[in-house]
């Protein structure tokens, strides 16, 4: 899907169509008739001849090849073999069946529509299938946004933060994975979630930390706000989803001298040089990136 977007941006319509079609191949592994623990439809393994794999070989023994029934929560390996070396990497079918960030609309349709998708998410979380400690589930608590319920996303994220993160030596679930877990937490506390490969940011109320108080998601009237607004921040719009345009331009040392004129609104200091980014550039973007900033 990401390759398709690059191809479209470069004007290669043939490559765009090719890779967009390939990005929908996940649907070939959608087993619509499979029911498990109140949920229906899963991404499941199938053989080269197209047959679904109801049972799979357990382990990699050269002597015997025992088979076990395959379910959405099956780890197909004994303790001495990393179970993510099999069908799903670092997660299970139950998790990956909700991990289609580039085609959430298609996923919702296959799950039976908005109401059915909400029930699917509720069941997934309430029965304990969400794995907070690994990346394939990062987007999942925010999926309520796609059915118009950012308040439910906020409630799930709040619950996850409260129950899984703390200022202790064991304050991160799993391992930090090069900063992945910390990044997820920071975005949750800021009230933003950047959808992978897209310019879409999903909004929830941010964490507010009054003087001397413990962090808590912003609340109104004793409950998490159903409005996806961000408090104490000046935003041009208050939508649950937003496309963010970044101005990457060139490195700061190559920015034009005209960006030092008076009257511009966004100021930045890099290595002792003051740059005032023109209002015309500010109007076209929601965020700016540069290297080695010094405020």
C-alpha atoms as a PDB file:
ATOM      1  CA  UNK A   1       0.000   0.000   0.000  1.00  0.00           C
ATOM      2  CA  UNK A   2       2.807   2.422   0.865  1.00  0.00           C
ATOM      3  CA  UNK A   3       4.615   1.594  -2.376  1.00  0.00           C
ATOM      4  CA  UNK A   4       1.381   2.359  -4.230  1.00  0.00           C
ATOM      5  CA  UNK A   5       1.173   5.798  -2.641  1.00  0.00           C
ATOM      6  CA  UNK A   6       4.735   6.604  -3.651  1.00  0.00           C
ATOM      7  CA  UNK A   7       4.034   5.391  -7.180  1.00  0.00           C
ATOM      8  CA  UNK A   8       0.948   7.591  -7.400  1.00  0.00           C
ATOM      9  CA  UNK A   9       2.927  10.584  -6.184  1.00  0.00           C
ATOM     10  CA  UNK A  10       5.530   9.960  -8.880  1.00  0.00           C
ATOM     11  CA  UNK A  11       2.858   9.617 -11.555  1.00  0.00           C
ATOM     12  CA  UNK A  12       3.367   5.884 -12.183  1.00  0.00           C
ATOM     13  CA  UNK A  13      -0.270   4.888 -12.477  1.00  0.00           C
ATOM     14  CA  UNK A  14       0.538   1.346 -13.623  1.00  0.00           C
ATOM     15  CA  UNK A  15       2.630   0.658 -10.529  1.00  0.00           C
ATOM     16  CA  UNK A  16       0.012   2.335  -8.378  1.00  0.00           C
ATOM     17  CA  UNK A  17      -2.709  -0.001  -9.645  1.00  0.00           C
ATOM     18  CA  UNK A  18      -0.418  -3.032  -9.336  1.00  0.00           C
ATOM     19  CA  UNK A  19       0.525  -2.458  -5.724  1.00  0.00           C
ATOM     20  CA  UNK A  20      -2.899  -1.287  -4.637  1.00  0.00           C
ATOM     21  CA  UNK A  21      -4.262  -4.591  -5.909  1.00  0.00           C
ATOM     22  CA  UNK A  22      -1.518  -6.432  -4.038  1.00  0.00           C
ATOM     23  CA  UNK A  23      -2.324  -4.533  -0.835  1.00  0.00           C
ATOM     24  CA  UNK A  24      -5.785  -6.094  -0.879  1.00  0.00           C
ATOM     25  CA  UNK A  25      -4.444  -9.651  -0.963  1.00  0.00           C
ATOM     26  CA  UNK A  26      -4.983  -9.955   2.788  1.00  0.00           C
ATOM     27  CA  UNK A  27      -8.619 -10.577   1.911  1.00  0.00           C
ATOM     28  CA  UNK A  28      -7.581 -13.879   0.294  1.00  0.00           C
ATOM     29  CA  UNK A  29      -6.750 -15.095   3.811  1.00  0.00           C
ATOM     30  CA  UNK A  30     -10.004 -13.883   5.372  1.00  0.00           C
ATOM     31  CA  UNK A  31     -11.968 -16.919   6.510  1.00  0.00           C
ATOM     32  CA  UNK A  32     -15.418 -15.424   6.737  1.00  0.00           C
ATOM     33  CA  UNK A  33     -17.188 -18.492   8.112  1.00  0.00           C
ATOM     34  CA  UNK A  34     -14.819 -19.130  11.014  1.00  0.00           C
ATOM     35  CA  UNK A  35     -16.425 -18.457  14.408  1.00  0.00           C
ATOM     36  CA  UNK A  36     -14.506 -18.348  17.662  1.00  0.00           C
ATOM     37  CA  UNK A  37     -15.395 -16.966  21.090  1.00  0.00           C
ATOM     38  CA  UNK A  38     -18.223 -14.823  19.796  1.00  0.00           C
ATOM     39  CA  UNK A  39     -16.240 -13.414  16.862  1.00  0.00           C
ATOM     40  CA  UNK A  40     -16.718 -14.288  13.211  1.00  0.00           C
ATOM     41  CA  UNK A  41     -14.179 -13.969  10.398  1.00  0.00           C
ATOM     42  CA  UNK A  42     -10.395 -14.212  10.795  1.00  0.00           C
ATOM     43  CA  UNK A  43      -7.206 -13.978   8.817  1.00  0.00           C
ATOM     44  CA  UNK A  44      -6.170 -17.637   8.792  1.00  0.00           C
ATOM     45  CA  UNK A  45      -3.470 -19.772   7.142  1.00  0.00           C
ATOM     46  CA  UNK A  46      -4.272 -21.799   4.075  1.00  0.00           C
ATOM     47  CA  UNK A  47      -2.377 -24.304   1.955  1.00  0.00           C
ATOM     48  CA  UNK A  48      -1.009 -23.684  -1.524  1.00  0.00           C
ATOM     49  CA  UNK A  49      -4.052 -25.438  -2.984  1.00  0.00           C
ATOM     50  CA  UNK A  50      -6.352 -22.947  -1.238  1.00  0.00           C
ATOM     51  CA  UNK A  51      -7.555 -25.254   1.518  1.00  0.00           C
ATOM     52  CA  UNK A  52      -7.834 -23.806   4.991  1.00  0.00           C
ATOM     53  CA  UNK A  53      -5.477 -25.298   7.567  1.00  0.00           C
ATOM     54  CA  UNK A  54      -7.669 -26.629  10.352  1.00  0.00           C
ATOM     55  CA  UNK A  55      -4.692 -28.453  11.873  1.00  0.00           C
ATOM     56  CA  UNK A  56      -0.988 -27.721  11.680  1.00  0.00           C
ATOM     57  CA  UNK A  57       2.278 -29.410  12.597  1.00  0.00           C
ATOM     58  CA  UNK A  58       3.468 -28.495  16.080  1.00  0.00           C
ATOM     59  CA  UNK A  59       7.185 -27.866  16.224  1.00  0.00           C
ATOM     60  CA  UNK A  60      10.009 -28.821  13.880  1.00  0.00           C
ATOM     61  CA  UNK A  61      10.926 -32.333  14.957  1.00  0.00           C
ATOM     62  CA  UNK A  62      12.727 -34.541  12.423  1.00  0.00           C
ATOM     63  CA  UNK A  63      11.395 -37.647  14.159  1.00  0.00           C
ATOM     64  CA  UNK A  64       7.685 -37.046  14.525  1.00  0.00           C
ATOM     65  CA  UNK A  65       5.226 -34.491  13.253  1.00  0.00           C
ATOM     66  CA  UNK A  66       2.358 -34.133  15.702  1.00  0.00           C
ATOM     67  CA  UNK A  67      -0.531 -31.987  14.613  1.00  0.00           C
ATOM     68  CA  UNK A  68      -2.724 -29.681  16.642  1.00  0.00           C
ATOM     69  CA  UNK A  69      -5.951 -27.880  15.836  1.00  0.00           C
ATOM     70  CA  UNK A  70      -5.320 -24.350  14.599  1.00  0.00           C
ATOM     71  CA  UNK A  71      -7.266 -21.545  16.266  1.00  0.00           C
ATOM     72  CA  UNK A  72      -6.878 -17.749  16.256  1.00  0.00           C
ATOM     73  CA  UNK A  73      -4.942 -17.957  19.544  1.00  0.00           C
ATOM     74  CA  UNK A  74      -2.691 -20.885  18.590  1.00  0.00           C
ATOM     75  CA  UNK A  75       1.063 -20.572  19.040  1.00  0.00           C
ATOM     76  CA  UNK A  76       2.375 -23.147  16.619  1.00  0.00           C
ATOM     77  CA  UNK A  77       5.674 -24.026  18.272  1.00  0.00           C
ATOM     78  CA  UNK A  78       7.029 -25.658  21.432  1.00  0.00           C
ATOM     79  CA  UNK A  79       8.986 -23.603  23.910  1.00  0.00           C
ATOM     80  CA  UNK A  80      12.343 -24.074  22.163  1.00  0.00           C
ATOM     81  CA  UNK A  81      11.223 -22.535  18.854  1.00  0.00           C
ATOM     82  CA  UNK A  82      10.120 -18.876  18.514  1.00  0.00           C
ATOM     83  CA  UNK A  83       6.426 -19.150  17.785  1.00  0.00           C
ATOM     84  CA  UNK A  84       6.504 -16.098  15.526  1.00  0.00           C
ATOM     85  CA  UNK A  85       8.567 -18.069  13.008  1.00  0.00           C
ATOM     86  CA  UNK A  86       5.350 -19.632  11.738  1.00  0.00           C
ATOM     87  CA  UNK A  87       2.288 -17.974  10.213  1.00  0.00           C
ATOM     88  CA  UNK A  88       2.151 -14.639  12.041  1.00  0.00           C
ATOM     89  CA  UNK A  89       5.085 -12.539  13.148  1.00  0.00           C
ATOM     90  CA  UNK A  90       5.083 -11.569  16.834  1.00  0.00           C
ATOM     91  CA  UNK A  91       1.308 -11.880  17.123  1.00  0.00           C
ATOM     92  CA  UNK A  92      -1.565 -14.291  16.573  1.00  0.00           C
ATOM     93  CA  UNK A  93      -4.455 -14.528  14.147  1.00  0.00           C
ATOM     94  CA  UNK A  94      -6.778 -12.943  16.703  1.00  0.00           C
ATOM     95  CA  UNK A  95      -4.610  -9.813  16.705  1.00  0.00           C
ATOM     96  CA  UNK A  96      -3.650  -9.665  13.040  1.00  0.00           C
ATOM     97  CA  UNK A  97      -7.276 -10.055  12.014  1.00  0.00           C
ATOM     98  CA  UNK A  98      -7.753  -6.492  13.273  1.00  0.00           C
ATOM     99  CA  UNK A  99      -4.440  -5.162  11.965  1.00  0.00           C
ATOM    100  CA  UNK A 100      -5.179  -3.804   8.501  1.00  0.00           C
ATOM    101  CA  UNK A 101      -4.317  -0.100   8.851  1.00  0.00           C
ATOM    102  CA  UNK A 102      -4.463   0.596   5.109  1.00  0.00           C
ATOM    103  CA  UNK A 103      -7.916  -0.965   4.620  1.00  0.00           C
ATOM    104  CA  UNK A 104      -9.915  -0.482   7.812  1.00  0.00           C
ATOM    105  CA  UNK A 105     -13.052   0.283   5.811  1.00  0.00           C
ATOM    106  CA  UNK A 106     -12.735  -3.083   4.074  1.00  0.00           C
ATOM    107  CA  UNK A 107     -12.169  -4.807   7.401  1.00  0.00           C
ATOM    108  CA  UNK A 108     -15.293  -3.239   8.880  1.00  0.00           C
ATOM    109  CA  UNK A 109     -17.329  -4.398   5.884  1.00  0.00           C
ATOM    110  CA  UNK A 110     -16.047  -7.967   6.205  1.00  0.00           C
ATOM    111  CA  UNK A 111     -16.890  -7.921   9.923  1.00  0.00           C
ATOM    112  CA  UNK A 112     -20.501  -7.015   9.122  1.00  0.00           C
ATOM    113  CA  UNK A 113     -20.659  -3.227   9.408  1.00  0.00           C
ATOM    114  CA  UNK A 114     -20.221  -0.635  12.146  1.00  0.00           C
ATOM    115  CA  UNK A 115     -22.344  -2.261  14.848  1.00  0.00           C
ATOM    116  CA  UNK A 116     -20.845  -5.698  14.307  1.00  0.00           C
ATOM    117  CA  UNK A 117     -17.362  -4.211  14.278  1.00  0.00           C
ATOM    118  CA  UNK A 118     -17.942  -2.490  17.593  1.00  0.00           C
ATOM    119  CA  UNK A 119     -19.091  -5.797  19.110  1.00  0.00           C
ATOM    120  CA  UNK A 120     -16.018  -7.465  17.632  1.00  0.00           C
ATOM    121  CA  UNK A 121     -13.703  -4.919  19.253  1.00  0.00           C
ATOM    122  CA  UNK A 122     -15.521  -5.124  22.586  1.00  0.00           C
ATOM    123  CA  UNK A 123     -15.253  -8.909  22.593  1.00  0.00           C
ATOM    124  CA  UNK A 124     -11.599  -8.799  21.565  1.00  0.00           C
ATOM    125  CA  UNK A 125     -10.670  -6.533  24.478  1.00  0.00           C
ATOM    126  CA  UNK A 126     -13.056  -7.900  27.085  1.00  0.00           C
ATOM    127  CA  UNK A 127     -11.880 -11.481  26.541  1.00  0.00           C
ATOM    128  CA  UNK A 128      -8.243 -10.505  26.913  1.00  0.00           C
ATOM    129  CA  UNK A 129      -6.959 -11.028  23.372  1.00  0.00           C
ATOM    130  CA  UNK A 130      -5.361  -7.595  23.136  1.00  0.00           C
ATOM    131  CA  UNK A 131      -1.577  -7.784  23.545  1.00  0.00           C
ATOM    132  CA  UNK A 132      -0.328  -4.454  24.816  1.00  0.00           C
ATOM    133  CA  UNK A 133       3.296  -5.609  24.663  1.00  0.00           C
ATOM    134  CA  UNK A 134       3.748  -5.875  20.908  1.00  0.00           C
ATOM    135  CA  UNK A 135       3.461  -3.649  17.853  1.00  0.00           C
ATOM    136  CA  UNK A 136       0.784  -5.493  15.797  1.00  0.00           C
ATOM    137  CA  UNK A 137      -1.830  -4.320  18.322  1.00  0.00           C
ATOM    138  CA  UNK A 138      -0.742  -0.680  18.554  1.00  0.00           C
ATOM    139  CA  UNK A 139      -3.585   0.661  16.392  1.00  0.00           C
ATOM    140  CA  UNK A 140      -6.323  -1.664  17.667  1.00  0.00           C
ATOM    141  CA  UNK A 141      -7.659   0.404  20.616  1.00  0.00           C
ATOM    142  CA  UNK A 142      -8.075   3.359  18.245  1.00  0.00           C
ATOM    143  CA  UNK A 143     -10.176   1.446  15.710  1.00  0.00           C
ATOM    144  CA  UNK A 144     -13.391   2.734  17.294  1.00  0.00           C
ATOM    145  CA  UNK A 145     -12.607   6.013  15.514  1.00  0.00           C
ATOM    146  CA  UNK A 146     -13.446   4.394  12.193  1.00  0.00           C
ATOM    147  CA  UNK A 147     -17.043   3.753  13.258  1.00  0.00           C
ATOM    148  CA  UNK A 148     -17.506   7.269  14.602  1.00  0.00           C
ATOM    149  CA  UNK A 149     -16.828   6.476  18.288  1.00  0.00           C
ATOM    150  CA  UNK A 150     -13.595   8.201  19.315  1.00  0.00           C
ATOM    151  CA  UNK A 151     -14.931   8.253  22.866  1.00  0.00           C
ATOM    152  CA  UNK A 152     -14.650   4.457  22.974  1.00  0.00           C
ATOM    153  CA  UNK A 153     -11.095   4.675  21.648  1.00  0.00           C
ATOM    154  CA  UNK A 154     -10.276   7.138  24.426  1.00  0.00           C
ATOM    155  CA  UNK A 155     -11.790   4.847  27.046  1.00  0.00           C
ATOM    156  CA  UNK A 156      -9.785   1.840  25.821  1.00  0.00           C
ATOM    157  CA  UNK A 157      -6.530   3.779  25.639  1.00  0.00           C
ATOM    158  CA  UNK A 158      -7.116   5.199  29.116  1.00  0.00           C
ATOM    159  CA  UNK A 159      -7.653   1.701  30.485  1.00  0.00           C
ATOM    160  CA  UNK A 160      -4.523   0.384  28.752  1.00  0.00           C
ATOM    161  CA  UNK A 161      -2.349   3.222  30.060  1.00  0.00           C
ATOM    162  CA  UNK A 162      -3.610   2.925  33.633  1.00  0.00           C
ATOM    163  CA  UNK A 163      -3.243  -0.849  33.846  1.00  0.00           C
ATOM    164  CA  UNK A 164       0.013  -1.410  31.950  1.00  0.00           C
ATOM    165  CA  UNK A 165       2.327   1.559  32.387  1.00  0.00           C
ATOM    166  CA  UNK A 166       3.881   3.004  35.526  1.00  0.00           C
ATOM    167  CA  UNK A 167       6.930   4.896  36.774  1.00  0.00           C
ATOM    168  CA  UNK A 168       8.647   1.730  38.046  1.00  0.00           C
ATOM    169  CA  UNK A 169      11.424  -0.558  36.758  1.00  0.00           C
ATOM    170  CA  UNK A 170       8.651  -2.764  35.333  1.00  0.00           C
ATOM    171  CA  UNK A 171       6.662   0.189  34.024  1.00  0.00           C
ATOM    172  CA  UNK A 172       6.696  -0.895  30.366  1.00  0.00           C
ATOM    173  CA  UNK A 173       4.919  -4.052  29.158  1.00  0.00           C
ATOM    174  CA  UNK A 174       7.208  -6.393  27.277  1.00  0.00           C
ATOM    175  CA  UNK A 175      10.401  -4.651  26.218  1.00  0.00           C
ATOM    176  CA  UNK A 176      10.794  -1.159  24.822  1.00  0.00           C
ATOM    177  CA  UNK A 177      11.731  -2.509  21.382  1.00  0.00           C
ATOM    178  CA  UNK A 178      13.939   0.409  20.308  1.00  0.00           C
ATOM    179  CA  UNK A 179      11.524   2.877  21.817  1.00  0.00           C
ATOM    180  CA  UNK A 180       8.322   1.496  20.291  1.00  0.00           C
ATOM    181  CA  UNK A 181       6.460   1.011  23.567  1.00  0.00           C
ATOM    182  CA  UNK A 182       7.569   4.380  24.915  1.00  0.00           C
ATOM    183  CA  UNK A 183       6.503   6.046  21.680  1.00  0.00           C
ATOM    184  CA  UNK A 184       3.047   4.480  21.860  1.00  0.00           C
ATOM    185  CA  UNK A 185       2.678   5.763  25.413  1.00  0.00           C
ATOM    186  CA  UNK A 186       3.881   9.266  24.545  1.00  0.00           C
ATOM    187  CA  UNK A 187       1.413   9.560  21.673  1.00  0.00           C
ATOM    188  CA  UNK A 188      -1.399   8.262  23.875  1.00  0.00           C
ATOM    189  CA  UNK A 189      -0.564  10.868  26.497  1.00  0.00           C
ATOM    190  CA  UNK A 190      -0.402  13.605  23.850  1.00  0.00           C
ATOM    191  CA  UNK A 191      -3.808  12.566  22.527  1.00  0.00           C
ATOM    192  CA  UNK A 192      -2.612  11.604  19.056  1.00  0.00           C
ATOM    193  CA  UNK A 193      -2.048   8.375  17.163  1.00  0.00           C
ATOM    194  CA  UNK A 194      -0.171   8.473  13.824  1.00  0.00           C
ATOM    195  CA  UNK A 195      -1.555   5.754  11.543  1.00  0.00           C
ATOM    196  CA  UNK A 196       1.334   3.869   9.930  1.00  0.00           C
ATOM    197  CA  UNK A 197       2.182   4.891   6.386  1.00  0.00           C
ATOM    198  CA  UNK A 198      -0.485   7.582   6.250  1.00  0.00           C
ATOM    199  CA  UNK A 199      -0.943  11.247   7.033  1.00  0.00           C
ATOM    200  CA  UNK A 200      -3.838  10.391   9.337  1.00  0.00           C
ATOM    201  CA  UNK A 201      -3.733  11.189  13.042  1.00  0.00           C
ATOM    202  CA  UNK A 202      -6.411   9.871  15.368  1.00  0.00           C
ATOM    203  CA  UNK A 203      -7.275  12.199  18.243  1.00  0.00           C
ATOM    204  CA  UNK A 204      -8.297  11.467  21.805  1.00  0.00           C
ATOM    205  CA  UNK A 205      -8.218  13.695  24.902  1.00  0.00           C
ATOM    206  CA  UNK A 206      -4.623  14.141  26.051  1.00  0.00           C
ATOM    207  CA  UNK A 207      -3.216  13.494  29.476  1.00  0.00           C
ATOM    208  CA  UNK A 208      -3.410  16.427  31.839  1.00  0.00           C
ATOM    209  CA  UNK A 209      -0.985  16.549  34.719  1.00  0.00           C
ATOM    210  CA  UNK A 210      -1.995  19.138  37.350  1.00  0.00           C
ATOM    211  CA  UNK A 211       0.703  20.203  39.782  1.00  0.00           C
ATOM    212  CA  UNK A 212       1.623  17.272  41.989  1.00  0.00           C
ATOM    213  CA  UNK A 213      -1.079  15.001  40.580  1.00  0.00           C
ATOM    214  CA  UNK A 214      -0.865  11.652  38.830  1.00  0.00           C
ATOM    215  CA  UNK A 215      -1.393  11.586  35.032  1.00  0.00           C
ATOM    216  CA  UNK A 216      -4.953  10.887  33.880  1.00  0.00           C
ATOM    217  CA  UNK A 217      -6.711  11.210  30.552  1.00  0.00           C
ATOM    218  CA  UNK A 218      -8.679  14.419  30.306  1.00  0.00           C
ATOM    219  CA  UNK A 219     -12.216  13.975  31.576  1.00  0.00           C
ATOM    220  CA  UNK A 220     -15.389  16.005  31.613  1.00  0.00           C
ATOM    221  CA  UNK A 221     -18.192  15.523  34.125  1.00  0.00           C
ATOM    222  CA  UNK A 222     -16.533  12.412  35.546  1.00  0.00           C
ATOM    223  CA  UNK A 223     -16.137  10.479  32.302  1.00  0.00           C
ATOM    224  CA  UNK A 224     -13.922  10.512  29.259  1.00  0.00           C
ATOM    225  CA  UNK A 225     -15.194  13.125  26.865  1.00  0.00           C
ATOM    226  CA  UNK A 226     -17.007  11.831  23.796  1.00  0.00           C
ATOM    227  CA  UNK A 227     -15.800  14.886  21.900  1.00  0.00           C
ATOM    228  CA  UNK A 228     -12.426  14.252  20.264  1.00  0.00           C
ATOM    229  CA  UNK A 229     -11.305  17.765  21.139  1.00  0.00           C
ATOM    230  CA  UNK A 230      -7.948  18.547  22.619  1.00  0.00           C
ATOM    231  CA  UNK A 231      -8.073  20.743  25.671  1.00  0.00           C
ATOM    232  CA  UNK A 232      -5.583  23.527  26.367  1.00  0.00           C
ATOM    233  CA  UNK A 233      -4.283  23.453  22.797  1.00  0.00           C
ATOM    234  CA  UNK A 234      -5.133  25.818  19.977  1.00  0.00           C
ATOM    235  CA  UNK A 235      -6.211  23.715  17.015  1.00  0.00           C
ATOM    236  CA  UNK A 236      -7.816  24.992  13.818  1.00  0.00           C
ATOM    237  CA  UNK A 237     -10.327  22.147  13.778  1.00  0.00           C
ATOM    238  CA  UNK A 238     -11.659  19.564  16.200  1.00  0.00           C
ATOM    239  CA  UNK A 239     -12.144  16.410  14.206  1.00  0.00           C
ATOM    240  CA  UNK A 240     -11.499  12.845  15.424  1.00  0.00           C
ATOM    241  CA  UNK A 241      -9.303  12.271  12.367  1.00  0.00           C
ATOM    242  CA  UNK A 242      -7.015  14.735  10.650  1.00  0.00           C
ATOM    243  CA  UNK A 243      -4.547  14.671   7.793  1.00  0.00           C
ATOM    244  CA  UNK A 244      -1.285  16.278   8.827  1.00  0.00           C
ATOM    245  CA  UNK A 245       0.912  17.841   6.140  1.00  0.00           C
ATOM    246  CA  UNK A 246       4.577  18.090   7.047  1.00  0.00           C
ATOM    247  CA  UNK A 247       6.920  20.655   5.570  1.00  0.00           C
ATOM    248  CA  UNK A 248      10.248  18.847   5.288  1.00  0.00           C
ATOM    249  CA  UNK A 249      11.682  21.249   2.677  1.00  0.00           C
ATOM    250  CA  UNK A 250      15.488  21.172   2.940  1.00  0.00           C
ATOM    251  CA  UNK A 251      17.839  21.146   5.881  1.00  0.00           C
ATOM    252  CA  UNK A 252      17.765  24.319   7.937  1.00  0.00           C
ATOM    253  CA  UNK A 253      21.158  25.529   6.691  1.00  0.00           C
ATOM    254  CA  UNK A 254      19.796  25.612   3.148  1.00  0.00           C
ATOM    255  CA  UNK A 255      16.566  27.423   3.928  1.00  0.00           C
ATOM    256  CA  UNK A 256      16.209  30.658   1.967  1.00  0.00           C
ATOM    257  CA  UNK A 257      17.402  33.913   3.463  1.00  0.00           C
ATOM    258  CA  UNK A 258      13.939  35.356   2.831  1.00  0.00           C
ATOM    259  CA  UNK A 259      12.808  33.349   5.839  1.00  0.00           C
ATOM    260  CA  UNK A 260      14.488  35.861   8.122  1.00  0.00           C
ATOM    261  CA  UNK A 261      12.197  38.771   7.297  1.00  0.00           C
ATOM    262  CA  UNK A 262      10.188  40.466  10.012  1.00  0.00           C
ATOM    263  CA  UNK A 263       6.509  39.787  10.464  1.00  0.00           C
ATOM    264  CA  UNK A 264       6.584  36.013  10.130  1.00  0.00           C
ATOM    265  CA  UNK A 265       4.868  34.068  12.852  1.00  0.00           C
ATOM    266  CA  UNK A 266       6.742  30.806  13.460  1.00  0.00           C
ATOM    267  CA  UNK A 267      10.240  31.282  14.867  1.00  0.00           C
ATOM    268  CA  UNK A 268      12.946  28.693  15.287  1.00  0.00           C
ATOM    269  CA  UNK A 269      16.597  28.852  16.347  1.00  0.00           C
ATOM    270  CA  UNK A 270      19.063  26.352  14.899  1.00  0.00           C
ATOM    271  CA  UNK A 271      22.731  26.560  15.794  1.00  0.00           C
ATOM    272  CA  UNK A 272      22.408  30.204  16.689  1.00  0.00           C
ATOM    273  CA  UNK A 273      20.584  31.207  13.516  1.00  0.00           C
ATOM    274  CA  UNK A 274      17.083  32.595  13.831  1.00  0.00           C
ATOM    275  CA  UNK A 275      14.555  31.559  11.210  1.00  0.00           C
ATOM    276  CA  UNK A 276      11.097  33.019  10.904  1.00  0.00           C
ATOM    277  CA  UNK A 277       9.024  30.693   8.759  1.00  0.00           C
ATOM    278  CA  UNK A 278       6.687  32.669   6.470  1.00  0.00           C
ATOM    279  CA  UNK A 279       2.972  32.735   7.144  1.00  0.00           C
ATOM    280  CA  UNK A 280       2.351  31.383   3.645  1.00  0.00           C
ATOM    281  CA  UNK A 281       4.338  28.257   4.546  1.00  0.00           C
ATOM    282  CA  UNK A 282       2.662  27.968   7.944  1.00  0.00           C
ATOM    283  CA  UNK A 283      -0.769  28.067   6.296  1.00  0.00           C
ATOM    284  CA  UNK A 284       0.084  25.097   4.091  1.00  0.00           C
ATOM    285  CA  UNK A 285       1.270  22.798   6.869  1.00  0.00           C
ATOM    286  CA  UNK A 286       0.241  21.419  10.207  1.00  0.00           C
ATOM    287  CA  UNK A 287       3.731  20.543  11.416  1.00  0.00           C
ATOM    288  CA  UNK A 288       7.365  21.199  10.664  1.00  0.00           C
ATOM    289  CA  UNK A 289      10.409  18.958  10.839  1.00  0.00           C
ATOM    290  CA  UNK A 290      14.021  19.927  10.933  1.00  0.00           C
ATOM    291  CA  UNK A 291      17.241  18.533  12.334  1.00  0.00           C
ATOM    292  CA  UNK A 292      19.058  19.702  15.468  1.00  0.00           C
ATOM    293  CA  UNK A 293      16.510  22.264  16.682  1.00  0.00           C
ATOM    294  CA  UNK A 294      17.399  24.547  19.557  1.00  0.00           C
ATOM    295  CA  UNK A 295      14.493  26.370  21.142  1.00  0.00           C
END
